[in-house]
PDB file of N, CA and C in Angstrom:
ATOM      1  N   MET A   1     -25.126  14.037  24.546  1.00  0.00           N
ATOM      2  CA  MET A   1     -23.936  13.425  23.976  1.00  0.00           C
ATOM      3  C   MET A   1     -22.699  14.204  24.400  1.00  0.00           C
ATOM      4  N   LYS A   2     -21.726  13.488  24.873  1.00  0.00           N
ATOM      5  CA  LYS A   2     -20.454  14.112  25.246  1.00  0.00           C
ATOM      6  C   LYS A   2     -19.714  14.536  23.976  1.00  0.00           C
ATOM      7  N   PRO A   3     -18.920  15.582  24.086  1.00  0.00           N
ATOM      8  CA  PRO A   3     -18.126  15.982  22.912  1.00  0.00           C
ATOM      9  C   PRO A   3     -17.045  14.950  22.601  1.00  0.00           C
ATOM     10  N   ILE A   4     -16.576  14.974  21.371  1.00  0.00           N
ATOM     11  CA  ILE A   4     -15.524  14.075  20.934  1.00  0.00           C
ATOM     12  C   ILE A   4     -14.251  14.883  20.718  1.00  0.00           C
ATOM     13  N   ARG A   5     -13.178  14.401  21.323  1.00  0.00           N
ATOM     14  CA  ARG A   5     -11.859  14.998  21.107  1.00  0.00           C
ATOM     15  C   ARG A   5     -11.044  14.010  20.286  1.00  0.00           C
ATOM     16  N   ARG A   6     -10.152  14.551  19.491  1.00  0.00           N
ATOM     17  CA  ARG A   6      -9.280  13.703  18.675  1.00  0.00           C
ATOM     18  C   ARG A   6      -7.835  13.900  19.128  1.00  0.00           C
ATOM     19  N   HIS A   7      -7.245  12.834  19.641  1.00  0.00           N
ATOM     20  CA  HIS A   7      -5.843  12.868  20.059  1.00  0.00           C
ATOM     21  C   HIS A   7      -4.983  13.113  18.825  1.00  0.00           C
ATOM     22  N   ARG A   8      -3.826  13.719  19.003  1.00  0.00           N
ATOM     23  CA  ARG A   8      -2.976  14.027  17.847  1.00  0.00           C
ATOM     24  C   ARG A   8      -2.549  12.766  17.102  1.00  0.00           C
ATOM     25  N   THR A   9      -2.407  11.644  17.798  1.00  0.00           N
ATOM     26  CA  THR A   9      -2.080  10.377  17.134  1.00  0.00           C
ATOM     27  C   THR A   9      -3.224   9.950  16.224  1.00  0.00           C
ATOM     28  N   PHE A  10      -4.454  10.133  16.694  1.00  0.00           N
ATOM     29  CA  PHE A  10      -5.611   9.807  15.866  1.00  0.00           C
ATOM     30  C   PHE A  10      -5.611  10.669  14.613  1.00  0.00           C
ATOM     31  N   VAL A  11      -5.400  11.960  14.764  1.00  0.00           N
ATOM     32  CA  VAL A  11      -5.409  12.885  13.628  1.00  0.00           C
ATOM     33  C   VAL A  11      -4.341  12.486  12.612  1.00  0.00           C
ATOM     34  N   LYS A  12      -3.144  12.213  13.088  1.00  0.00           N
ATOM     35  CA  LYS A  12      -2.034  11.823  12.213  1.00  0.00           C
ATOM     36  C   LYS A  12      -2.350  10.519  11.474  1.00  0.00           C
ATOM     37  N   ASN A  13      -2.836   9.527  12.208  1.00  0.00           N
ATOM     38  CA  ASN A  13      -3.127   8.235  11.595  1.00  0.00           C
ATOM     39  C   ASN A  13      -4.350   8.298  10.687  1.00  0.00           C
ATOM     40  N   TYR A  14      -5.321   9.135  11.015  1.00  0.00           N
ATOM     41  CA  TYR A  14      -6.476   9.312  10.136  1.00  0.00           C
ATOM     42  C   TYR A  14      -6.005   9.845   8.787  1.00  0.00           C
ATOM     43  N   ARG A  15      -5.165  10.864   8.811  1.00  0.00           N
ATOM     44  CA  ARG A  15      -4.666  11.445   7.558  1.00  0.00           C
ATOM     45  C   ARG A  15      -3.914  10.425   6.720  1.00  0.00           C
ATOM     46  N   SER A  16      -3.036   9.655   7.355  1.00  0.00           N
ATOM     47  CA  SER A  16      -2.189   8.735   6.593  1.00  0.00           C
ATOM     48  C   SER A  16      -2.890   7.425   6.232  1.00  0.00           C
ATOM     49  N   ARG A  17      -3.787   6.934   7.084  1.00  0.00           N
ATOM     50  CA  ARG A  17      -4.396   5.622   6.853  1.00  0.00           C
ATOM     51  C   ARG A  17      -5.773   5.688   6.199  1.00  0.00           C
ATOM     52  N   VAL A  18      -6.485   6.790   6.384  1.00  0.00           N
ATOM     53  CA  VAL A  18      -7.867   6.880   5.913  1.00  0.00           C
ATOM     54  C   VAL A  18      -8.071   8.048   4.947  1.00  0.00           C
ATOM     55  N   GLY A  19      -7.472   9.170   5.253  1.00  0.00           N
ATOM     56  CA  GLY A  19      -7.748  10.415   4.552  1.00  0.00           C
ATOM     57  C   GLY A  19      -7.580  10.398   3.056  1.00  0.00           C
ATOM     58  N   ASN A  20      -6.728   9.522   2.527  1.00  0.00           N
ATOM     59  CA  ASN A  20      -6.519   9.475   1.089  1.00  0.00           C
ATOM     60  C   ASN A  20      -7.411   8.452   0.390  1.00  0.00           C
ATOM     61  N   ASN A  21      -8.367   7.887   1.104  1.00  0.00           N
ATOM     62  CA  ASN A  21      -9.288   6.901   0.543  1.00  0.00           C
ATOM     63  C   ASN A  21     -10.721   7.405   0.732  1.00  0.00           C
ATOM     64  N   PRO A  22     -11.308   8.002  -0.314  1.00  0.00           N
ATOM     65  CA  PRO A  22     -12.655   8.590  -0.181  1.00  0.00           C
ATOM     66  C   PRO A  22     -13.716   7.606   0.323  1.00  0.00           C
ATOM     67  N   LYS A  23     -13.597   6.350  -0.064  1.00  0.00           N
ATOM     68  CA  LYS A  23     -14.572   5.349   0.392  1.00  0.00           C
ATOM     69  C   LYS A  23     -14.496   5.166   1.908  1.00  0.00           C
ATOM     70  N   GLN A  24     -13.272   5.099   2.450  1.00  0.00           N
ATOM     71  CA  GLN A  24     -13.113   4.942   3.892  1.00  0.00           C
ATOM     72  C   GLN A  24     -13.512   6.212   4.640  1.00  0.00           C
ATOM     73  N   VAL A  25     -13.249   7.370   4.059  1.00  0.00           N
ATOM     74  CA  VAL A  25     -13.662   8.631   4.683  1.00  0.00           C
ATOM     75  C   VAL A  25     -15.176   8.658   4.815  1.00  0.00           C
ATOM     76  N   LYS A  26     -15.875   8.289   3.750  1.00  0.00           N
ATOM     77  CA  LYS A  26     -17.342   8.272   3.774  1.00  0.00           C
ATOM     78  C   LYS A  26     -17.863   7.271   4.811  1.00  0.00           C
ATOM     79  N   GLN A  27     -17.241   6.091   4.858  1.00  0.00           N
ATOM     80  CA  GLN A  27     -17.651   5.070   5.825  1.00  0.00           C
ATOM     81  C   GLN A  27     -17.413   5.558   7.252  1.00  0.00           C
ATOM     82  N   PHE A  28     -16.263   6.212   7.497  1.00  0.00           N
ATOM     83  CA  PHE A  28     -15.981   6.751   8.832  1.00  0.00           C
ATOM     84  C   PHE A  28     -17.032   7.784   9.220  1.00  0.00           C
ATOM     85  N   GLU A  29     -17.391   8.670   8.306  1.00  0.00           N
ATOM     86  CA  GLU A  29     -18.383   9.700   8.608  1.00  0.00           C
ATOM     87  C   GLU A  29     -19.735   9.085   8.957  1.00  0.00           C
ATOM     88  N   LYS A  30     -20.126   8.028   8.248  1.00  0.00           N
ATOM     89  CA  LYS A  30     -21.388   7.332   8.571  1.00  0.00           C
ATOM     90  C   LYS A  30     -21.332   6.731   9.971  1.00  0.00           C
ATOM     91  N   ARG A  31     -20.230   6.041  10.271  1.00  0.00           N
ATOM     92  CA  ARG A  31     -20.108   5.391  11.578  1.00  0.00           C
ATOM     93  C   ARG A  31     -19.971   6.411  12.696  1.00  0.00           C
ATOM     94  N   LEU A  32     -19.313   7.523  12.418  1.00  0.00           N
ATOM     95  CA  LEU A  32     -19.209   8.590  13.408  1.00  0.00           C
ATOM     96  C   LEU A  32     -20.594   9.132  13.743  1.00  0.00           C
ATOM     97  N   GLY A  33     -21.432   9.290  12.728  1.00  0.00           N
ATOM     98  CA  GLY A  33     -22.812   9.734  12.956  1.00  0.00           C
ATOM     99  C   GLY A  33     -23.575   8.777  13.853  1.00  0.00           C
ATOM    100  N   LEU A  34     -23.409   7.483  13.624  1.00  0.00           N
ATOM    101  CA  LEU A  34     -24.056   6.484  14.482  1.00  0.00           C
ATOM    102  C   LEU A  34     -23.538   6.583  15.909  1.00  0.00           C
ATOM    103  N   PHE A  35     -22.217   6.721  16.047  1.00  0.00           N
ATOM    104  CA  PHE A  35     -21.593   6.826  17.368  1.00  0.00           C
ATOM    105  C   PHE A  35     -22.148   8.040  18.110  1.00  0.00           C
ATOM    106  N   ILE A  36     -22.223   9.172  17.430  1.00  0.00           N
ATOM    107  CA  ILE A  36     -22.730  10.401  18.047  1.00  0.00           C
ATOM    108  C   ILE A  36     -24.174  10.231  18.497  1.00  0.00           C
ATOM    109  N   ASN A  37     -24.955   9.451  17.737  1.00  0.00           N
ATOM    110  CA  ASN A  37     -26.360   9.223  18.081  1.00  0.00           C
ATOM    111  C   ASN A  37     -26.557   8.120  19.103  1.00  0.00           C
ATOM    112  N   GLY A  38     -25.475   7.590  19.658  1.00  0.00           N
ATOM    113  CA  GLY A  38     -25.585   6.635  20.753  1.00  0.00           C
ATOM    114  C   GLY A  38     -25.639   5.174  20.359  1.00  0.00           C
ATOM    115  N   VAL A  39     -25.501   4.867  19.074  1.00  0.00           N
ATOM    116  CA  VAL A  39     -25.491   3.462  18.642  1.00  0.00           C
ATOM    117  C   VAL A  39     -24.181   2.837  19.087  1.00  0.00           C
ATOM    118  N   ARG A  40     -24.263   1.681  19.741  1.00  0.00           N
ATOM    119  CA  ARG A  40     -23.044   1.001  20.177  1.00  0.00           C
ATOM    120  C   ARG A  40     -23.013  -0.458  19.709  1.00  0.00           C
ATOM    121  N   ASP A  41     -24.158  -0.982  19.284  1.00  0.00           N
ATOM    122  CA  ASP A  41     -24.175  -2.374  18.833  1.00  0.00           C
ATOM    123  C   ASP A  41     -23.956  -2.412  17.319  1.00  0.00           C
ATOM    124  N   THR A  42     -24.560  -3.334  16.619  1.00  0.00           N
ATOM    125  CA  THR A  42     -24.394  -3.474  15.182  1.00  0.00           C
ATOM    126  C   THR A  42     -24.788  -2.178  14.495  1.00  0.00           C
ATOM    127  N   PRO A  43     -24.041  -1.655  13.575  1.00  0.00           N
ATOM    128  CA  PRO A  43     -22.846  -2.182  12.922  1.00  0.00           C
ATOM    129  C   PRO A  43     -21.532  -1.742  13.560  1.00  0.00           C
ATOM    130  N   LEU A  44     -21.587  -0.960  14.641  1.00  0.00           N
ATOM    131  CA  LEU A  44     -20.337  -0.486  15.256  1.00  0.00           C
ATOM    132  C   LEU A  44     -19.608  -1.574  16.033  1.00  0.00           C
ATOM    133  N   ASN A  45     -20.348  -2.470  16.633  1.00  0.00           N
ATOM    134  CA  ASN A  45     -19.744  -3.534  17.447  1.00  0.00           C
ATOM    135  C   ASN A  45     -18.767  -2.970  18.470  1.00  0.00           C
ATOM    136  N   ASP A  46     -19.198  -1.933  19.156  1.00  0.00           N
ATOM    137  CA  ASP A  46     -18.394  -1.286  20.191  1.00  0.00           C
ATOM    138  C   ASP A  46     -18.100  -2.296  21.299  1.00  0.00           C
ATOM    139  N   HIS A  47     -16.842  -2.322  21.747  1.00  0.00           N
ATOM    140  CA  HIS A  47     -16.483  -3.269  22.800  1.00  0.00           C
ATOM    141  C   HIS A  47     -15.355  -2.718  23.653  1.00  0.00           C
ATOM    142  N   VAL A  48     -15.285  -3.230  24.870  1.00  0.00           N
ATOM    143  CA  VAL A  48     -14.231  -2.864  25.815  1.00  0.00           C
ATOM    144  C   VAL A  48     -13.002  -3.702  25.489  1.00  0.00           C
ATOM    145  N   LEU A  49     -11.846  -3.075  25.569  1.00  0.00           N
ATOM    146  CA  LEU A  49     -10.596  -3.785  25.295  1.00  0.00           C
ATOM    147  C   LEU A  49     -10.022  -4.359  26.582  1.00  0.00           C
ATOM    148  N   ILE A  50      -9.182  -5.356  26.443  1.00  0.00           N
ATOM    149  CA  ILE A  50      -8.589  -6.031  27.597  1.00  0.00           C
ATOM    150  C   ILE A  50      -7.076  -6.025  27.455  1.00  0.00           C
ATOM    151  N   GLY A  51      -6.411  -6.616  28.409  1.00  0.00           N
ATOM    152  CA  GLY A  51      -4.959  -6.722  28.369  1.00  0.00           C
ATOM    153  C   GLY A  51      -4.299  -5.375  28.567  1.00  0.00           C
ATOM    154  N   SER A  52      -3.298  -5.090  27.748  1.00  0.00           N
ATOM    155  CA  SER A  52      -2.551  -3.843  27.886  1.00  0.00           C
ATOM    156  C   SER A  52      -3.383  -2.616  27.534  1.00  0.00           C
ATOM    157  N   MET A  53      -4.524  -2.826  26.888  1.00  0.00           N
ATOM    158  CA  MET A  53      -5.400  -1.715  26.508  1.00  0.00           C
ATOM    159  C   MET A  53      -6.647  -1.658  27.388  1.00  0.00           C
ATOM    160  N   LYS A  54      -6.581  -2.276  28.547  1.00  0.00           N
ATOM    161  CA  LYS A  54      -7.707  -2.309  29.473  1.00  0.00           C
ATOM    162  C   LYS A  54      -8.174  -0.893  29.779  1.00  0.00           C
ATOM    163  N   GLY A  55      -9.478  -0.712  29.773  1.00  0.00           N
ATOM    164  CA  GLY A  55     -10.065   0.597  30.052  1.00  0.00           C
ATOM    165  C   GLY A  55     -10.393   1.386  28.806  1.00  0.00           C
ATOM    166  N   LEU A  56      -9.918   0.930  27.655  1.00  0.00           N
ATOM    167  CA  LEU A  56     -10.223   1.598  26.390  1.00  0.00           C
ATOM    168  C   LEU A  56     -11.344   0.850  25.682  1.00  0.00           C
ATOM    169  N   HIS A  57     -11.906   1.481  24.676  1.00  0.00           N
ATOM    170  CA  HIS A  57     -12.965   0.895  23.867  1.00  0.00           C
ATOM    171  C   HIS A  57     -12.550   0.958  22.407  1.00  0.00           C
ATOM    172  N   ALA A  58     -13.225   0.161  21.570  1.00  0.00           N
ATOM    173  CA  ALA A  58     -13.002   0.214  20.133  1.00  0.00           C
ATOM    174  C   ALA A  58     -14.321  -0.033  19.427  1.00  0.00           C
ATOM    175  N   PHE A  59     -14.453   0.535  18.231  1.00  0.00           N
ATOM    176  CA  PHE A  59     -15.597   0.221  17.384  1.00  0.00           C
ATOM    177  C   PHE A  59     -15.136   0.072  15.945  1.00  0.00           C
ATOM    178  N   SER A  60     -15.945  -0.645  15.165  1.00  0.00           N
ATOM    179  CA  SER A  60     -15.615  -0.938  13.774  1.00  0.00           C
ATOM    180  C   SER A  60     -16.137   0.145  12.851  1.00  0.00           C
ATOM    181  N   VAL A  61     -15.293   0.534  11.912  1.00  0.00           N
ATOM    182  CA  VAL A  61     -15.700   1.465  10.863  1.00  0.00           C
ATOM    183  C   VAL A  61     -16.056   0.668   9.619  1.00  0.00           C
ATOM    184  N   SER A  62     -15.216  -0.282   9.280  1.00  0.00           N
ATOM    185  CA  SER A  62     -15.468  -1.186   8.157  1.00  0.00           C
ATOM    186  C   SER A  62     -14.830  -2.521   8.496  1.00  0.00           C
ATOM    187  N   GLY A  63     -14.732  -3.411   7.529  1.00  0.00           N
ATOM    188  CA  GLY A  63     -14.235  -4.757   7.775  1.00  0.00           C
ATOM    189  C   GLY A  63     -13.054  -4.838   8.716  1.00  0.00           C
ATOM    190  N   ASP A  64     -11.980  -4.115   8.423  1.00  0.00           N
ATOM    191  CA  ASP A  64     -10.788  -4.204   9.261  1.00  0.00           C
ATOM    192  C   ASP A  64     -10.329  -2.836   9.758  1.00  0.00           C
ATOM    193  N   LEU A  65     -11.180  -1.852   9.717  1.00  0.00           N
ATOM    194  CA  LEU A  65     -10.829  -0.508  10.174  1.00  0.00           C
ATOM    195  C   LEU A  65     -11.488  -0.252  11.522  1.00  0.00           C
ATOM    196  N   ARG A  66     -10.672   0.080  12.526  1.00  0.00           N
ATOM    197  CA  ARG A  66     -11.154   0.270  13.899  1.00  0.00           C
ATOM    198  C   ARG A  66     -10.783   1.647  14.423  1.00  0.00           C
ATOM    199  N   VAL A  67     -11.600   2.129  15.348  1.00  0.00           N
ATOM    200  CA  VAL A  67     -11.295   3.342  16.104  1.00  0.00           C
ATOM    201  C   VAL A  67     -11.149   2.932  17.559  1.00  0.00           C
ATOM    202  N   VAL A  68     -10.035   3.306  18.165  1.00  0.00           N
ATOM    203  CA  VAL A  68      -9.796   3.059  19.588  1.00  0.00           C
ATOM    204  C   VAL A  68     -10.034   4.380  20.312  1.00  0.00           C
ATOM    205  N   TYR A  69     -10.814   4.335  21.393  1.00  0.00           N
ATOM    206  CA  TYR A  69     -11.120   5.562  22.123  1.00  0.00           C
ATOM    207  C   TYR A  69     -11.217   5.295  23.611  1.00  0.00           C
ATOM    208  N   ARG A  70     -11.190   6.378  24.365  1.00  0.00           N
ATOM    209  CA  ARG A  70     -11.431   6.275  25.803  1.00  0.00           C
ATOM    210  C   ARG A  70     -12.586   7.208  26.141  1.00  0.00           C
ATOM    211  N   GLU A  71     -13.281   6.851  27.196  1.00  0.00           N
ATOM    212  CA  GLU A  71     -14.416   7.648  27.652  1.00  0.00           C
ATOM    213  C   GLU A  71     -14.107   8.203  29.024  1.00  0.00           C
ATOM    214  N   THR A  72     -14.306   9.509  29.177  1.00  0.00           N
ATOM    215  CA  THR A  72     -14.194  10.136  30.486  1.00  0.00           C
ATOM    216  C   THR A  72     -15.579  10.657  30.860  1.00  0.00           C
ATOM    217  N   GLU A  73     -15.688  11.250  32.013  1.00  0.00           N
ATOM    218  CA  GLU A  73     -16.980  11.815  32.410  1.00  0.00           C
ATOM    219  C   GLU A  73     -17.368  13.000  31.541  1.00  0.00           C
ATOM    220  N   GLU A  74     -16.374  13.686  30.967  1.00  0.00           N
ATOM    221  CA  GLU A  74     -16.638  14.897  30.201  1.00  0.00           C
ATOM    222  C   GLU A  74     -16.682  14.702  28.690  1.00  0.00           C
ATOM    223  N   PHE A  75     -15.947  13.720  28.155  1.00  0.00           N
ATOM    224  CA  PHE A  75     -15.831  13.599  26.702  1.00  0.00           C
ATOM    225  C   PHE A  75     -15.399  12.201  26.290  1.00  0.00           C
ATOM    226  N   TYR A  76     -15.485  11.950  24.974  1.00  0.00           N
ATOM    227  CA  TYR A  76     -14.884  10.780  24.344  1.00  0.00           C
ATOM    228  C   TYR A  76     -13.620  11.267  23.655  1.00  0.00           C
ATOM    229  N   GLU A  77     -12.530  10.498  23.775  1.00  0.00           N
ATOM    230  CA  GLU A  77     -11.297  10.870  23.092  1.00  0.00           C
ATOM    231  C   GLU A  77     -10.894   9.755  22.140  1.00  0.00           C
ATOM    232  N   PHE A  78     -10.923  10.064  20.838  1.00  0.00           N
ATOM    233  CA  PHE A  78     -10.477   9.117  19.831  1.00  0.00           C
ATOM    234  C   PHE A  78      -8.955   9.088  19.875  1.00  0.00           C
ATOM    235  N   LEU A  79      -8.382   7.907  20.093  1.00  0.00           N
ATOM    236  CA  LEU A  79      -6.946   7.760  20.282  1.00  0.00           C
ATOM    237  C   LEU A  79      -6.218   7.268  19.034  1.00  0.00           C
ATOM    238  N   ASP A  80      -6.835   6.367  18.281  1.00  0.00           N
ATOM    239  CA  ASP A  80      -6.160   5.791  17.122  1.00  0.00           C
ATOM    240  C   ASP A  80      -7.196   5.254  16.142  1.00  0.00           C
ATOM    241  N   ILE A  81      -6.781   5.143  14.890  1.00  0.00           N
ATOM    242  CA  ILE A  81      -7.605   4.546  13.849  1.00  0.00           C
ATOM    243  C   ILE A  81      -6.689   3.764  12.935  1.00  0.00           C
ATOM    244  N   GLY A  82      -7.149   2.607  12.496  1.00  0.00           N
ATOM    245  CA  GLY A  82      -6.348   1.788  11.588  1.00  0.00           C
ATOM    246  C   GLY A  82      -6.864   0.368  11.561  1.00  0.00           C
ATOM    247  N   SER A  83      -6.117  -0.486  10.882  1.00  0.00           N
ATOM    248  CA  SER A  83      -6.491  -1.894  10.814  1.00  0.00           C
ATOM    249  C   SER A  83      -6.307  -2.534  12.191  1.00  0.00           C
ATOM    250  N   HIS A  84      -6.836  -3.718  12.318  1.00  0.00           N
ATOM    251  CA  HIS A  84      -6.725  -4.455  13.573  1.00  0.00           C
ATOM    252  C   HIS A  84      -5.267  -4.546  14.019  1.00  0.00           C
ATOM    253  N   ASN A  85      -4.381  -4.918  13.114  1.00  0.00           N
ATOM    254  CA  ASN A  85      -2.962  -5.054  13.460  1.00  0.00           C
ATOM    255  C   ASN A  85      -2.307  -3.718  13.791  1.00  0.00           C
ATOM    256  N   GLN A  86      -2.760  -2.628  13.190  1.00  0.00           N
ATOM    257  CA  GLN A  86      -2.163  -1.327  13.442  1.00  0.00           C
ATOM    258  C   GLN A  86      -2.523  -0.754  14.805  1.00  0.00           C
ATOM    259  N   VAL A  87      -3.751  -0.990  15.267  1.00  0.00           N
ATOM    260  CA  VAL A  87      -4.194  -0.330  16.512  1.00  0.00           C
ATOM    261  C   VAL A  87      -4.065  -1.215  17.753  1.00  0.00           C
ATOM    262  N   TYR A  88      -3.940  -2.531  17.594  1.00  0.00           N
ATOM    263  CA  TYR A  88      -3.856  -3.395  18.772  1.00  0.00           C
ATOM    264  C   TYR A  88      -2.444  -3.860  19.020  1.00  0.00           C
TER     265      TYR A  88
END
């Protein structure tokens, strides 16, 4: 498994959008565990983005909470987290 890096935008948005909601924090930790273990299908629904975000990926944390990330040869970089409207 490649290491995961967190972009400063991700860190900032995690604190403001997720960090103050214990239920979402717990859900993120569960989904992060799945991601680390290589799960990409249900329930993460990992997918490649198109348009202006071409080359990036996203996965679902909960109903409307998404993580946008990019993959390099060396690592995964989490770029943003938030609702569909916030990250796209």
